[in-house]
Amino acid sequence: MNILTKLLGVFAGGLFIAWMVFTFLGLDSEQRPSTMRMMDAGEICLATSLILFLIRFVCLRRQKQHKDV
């Protein structure tokens, strides 16, 4: 693995953990609407994390194809 795929994995993992934290902090958003921003931030972190995981997967596939040829 090169440095790009390692960094993508680290950032994606960090954003996934941030999603869990923000979701936990925003769980009572029905009782307190002020915590709704936490849920929104969590959803953004989750979407970004999934995108980074997909980019990492594509990079790893391309790297493997170049080594096979």
C-alpha atoms as a PDB file:
ATOM      1  CA  MET A   1       0.000   0.000   0.000  1.00  0.00           C
ATOM      2  CA  ASN A   2       1.236   3.446  -0.777  1.00  0.00           C
ATOM      3  CA  ILE A   3       0.896   6.530   1.375  1.00  0.00           C
ATOM      4  CA  LEU A   4      -2.302   7.697  -0.386  1.00  0.00           C
ATOM      5  CA  THR A   5      -4.268   4.576   0.464  1.00  0.00           C
ATOM      6  CA  LYS A   6      -2.986   4.636   4.041  1.00  0.00           C
ATOM      7  CA  LEU A   7      -4.063   8.255   4.495  1.00  0.00           C
ATOM      8  CA  LEU A   8      -7.450   7.584   2.929  1.00  0.00           C
ATOM      9  CA  GLY A   9      -7.971   4.696   5.326  1.00  0.00           C
ATOM     10  CA  VAL A  10      -6.964   6.746   8.361  1.00  0.00           C
ATOM     11  CA  PHE A  11      -9.171   9.697   7.438  1.00  0.00           C
ATOM     12  CA  ALA A  12     -12.122   7.457   6.588  1.00  0.00           C
ATOM     13  CA  GLY A  13     -11.762   5.617   9.887  1.00  0.00           C
ATOM     14  CA  GLY A  14     -11.523   8.885  11.804  1.00  0.00           C
ATOM     15  CA  LEU A  15     -14.638  10.243  10.137  1.00  0.00           C
ATOM     16  CA  PHE A  16     -16.469   6.999  10.889  1.00  0.00           C
ATOM     17  CA  ILE A  17     -15.606   7.363  14.585  1.00  0.00           C
ATOM     18  CA  ALA A  18     -16.685  11.021  14.437  1.00  0.00           C
ATOM     19  CA  TRP A  19     -20.013   9.860  12.991  1.00  0.00           C
ATOM     20  CA  MET A  20     -20.538   7.561  15.972  1.00  0.00           C
ATOM     21  CA  VAL A  21     -19.663  10.323  18.463  1.00  0.00           C
ATOM     22  CA  PHE A  22     -21.888  12.937  16.813  1.00  0.00           C
ATOM     23  CA  THR A  23     -24.763  10.478  16.557  1.00  0.00           C
ATOM     24  CA  PHE A  24     -24.425   9.552  20.227  1.00  0.00           C
ATOM     25  CA  LEU A  25     -24.385  13.217  21.231  1.00  0.00           C
ATOM     26  CA  GLY A  26     -27.394  14.013  19.057  1.00  0.00           C
ATOM     27  CA  LEU A  27     -29.589  11.074  20.047  1.00  0.00           C
ATOM     28  CA  ASP A  28     -31.944  13.184  22.132  1.00  0.00           C
ATOM     29  CA  SER A  29     -32.646  15.566  19.261  1.00  0.00           C
ATOM     30  CA  GLU A  30     -36.379  14.929  19.575  1.00  0.00           C
ATOM     31  CA  GLN A  31     -36.425  16.304  23.104  1.00  0.00           C
ATOM     32  CA  ARG A  32     -33.846  19.038  22.463  1.00  0.00           C
ATOM     33  CA  PRO A  33     -33.897  20.471  18.946  1.00  0.00           C
ATOM     34  CA  SER A  34     -30.565  22.199  19.581  1.00  0.00           C
ATOM     35  CA  THR A  35     -28.796  18.842  19.227  1.00  0.00           C
ATOM     36  CA  MET A  36     -30.161  18.369  15.714  1.00  0.00           C
ATOM     37  CA  ARG A  37     -26.954  19.963  14.425  1.00  0.00           C
ATOM     38  CA  MET A  38     -25.019  17.050  15.933  1.00  0.00           C
ATOM     39  CA  MET A  39     -27.073  14.593  13.907  1.00  0.00           C
ATOM     40  CA  ASP A  40     -26.499  16.650  10.747  1.00  0.00           C
ATOM     41  CA  ALA A  41     -22.752  16.716  11.383  1.00  0.00           C
ATOM     42  CA  GLY A  42     -22.823  12.962  11.973  1.00  0.00           C
ATOM     43  CA  GLU A  43     -24.563  12.338   8.667  1.00  0.00           C
ATOM     44  CA  ILE A  44     -22.007  14.458   6.840  1.00  0.00           C
ATOM     45  CA  CYS A  45     -19.165  12.536   8.510  1.00  0.00           C
ATOM     46  CA  LEU A  46     -20.741   9.209   7.556  1.00  0.00           C
ATOM     47  CA  ALA A  47     -21.224  10.201   3.922  1.00  0.00           C
ATOM     48  CA  THR A  48     -17.672  11.522   3.659  1.00  0.00           C
ATOM     49  CA  SER A  49     -16.310   8.394   5.310  1.00  0.00           C
ATOM     50  CA  LEU A  50     -18.088   6.144   2.824  1.00  0.00           C
ATOM     51  CA  ILE A  51     -16.819   8.205  -0.106  1.00  0.00           C
ATOM     52  CA  LEU A  52     -13.236   7.988   1.177  1.00  0.00           C
ATOM     53  CA  PHE A  53     -13.550   4.217   1.682  1.00  0.00           C
ATOM     54  CA  LEU A  54     -14.761   3.859  -1.918  1.00  0.00           C
ATOM     55  CA  ILE A  55     -11.901   5.991  -3.246  1.00  0.00           C
ATOM     56  CA  ARG A  56      -9.446   3.882  -1.239  1.00  0.00           C
ATOM     57  CA  PHE A  57     -10.950   0.697  -2.661  1.00  0.00           C
ATOM     58  CA  VAL A  58     -10.635   2.006  -6.224  1.00  0.00           C
ATOM     59  CA  CYS A  59      -7.010   3.046  -5.602  1.00  0.00           C
ATOM     60  CA  LEU A  60      -6.159  -0.386  -4.225  1.00  0.00           C
ATOM     61  CA  ARG A  61      -7.796  -2.110  -7.211  1.00  0.00           C
ATOM     62  CA  ARG A  62      -5.844   0.017  -9.683  1.00  0.00           C
ATOM     63  CA  GLN A  63      -2.629  -0.571  -7.787  1.00  0.00           C
ATOM     64  CA  LYS A  64      -3.219  -4.327  -7.882  1.00  0.00           C
ATOM     65  CA  GLN A  65      -3.970  -4.257 -11.627  1.00  0.00           C
ATOM     66  CA  HIS A  66      -0.738  -2.394 -12.354  1.00  0.00           C
ATOM     67  CA  LYS A  67       1.283  -4.963 -10.398  1.00  0.00           C
ATOM     68  CA  ASP A  68      -0.374  -7.877 -12.197  1.00  0.00           C
ATOM     69  CA  VAL A  69       0.480  -6.572 -15.669  1.00  0.00           C
END
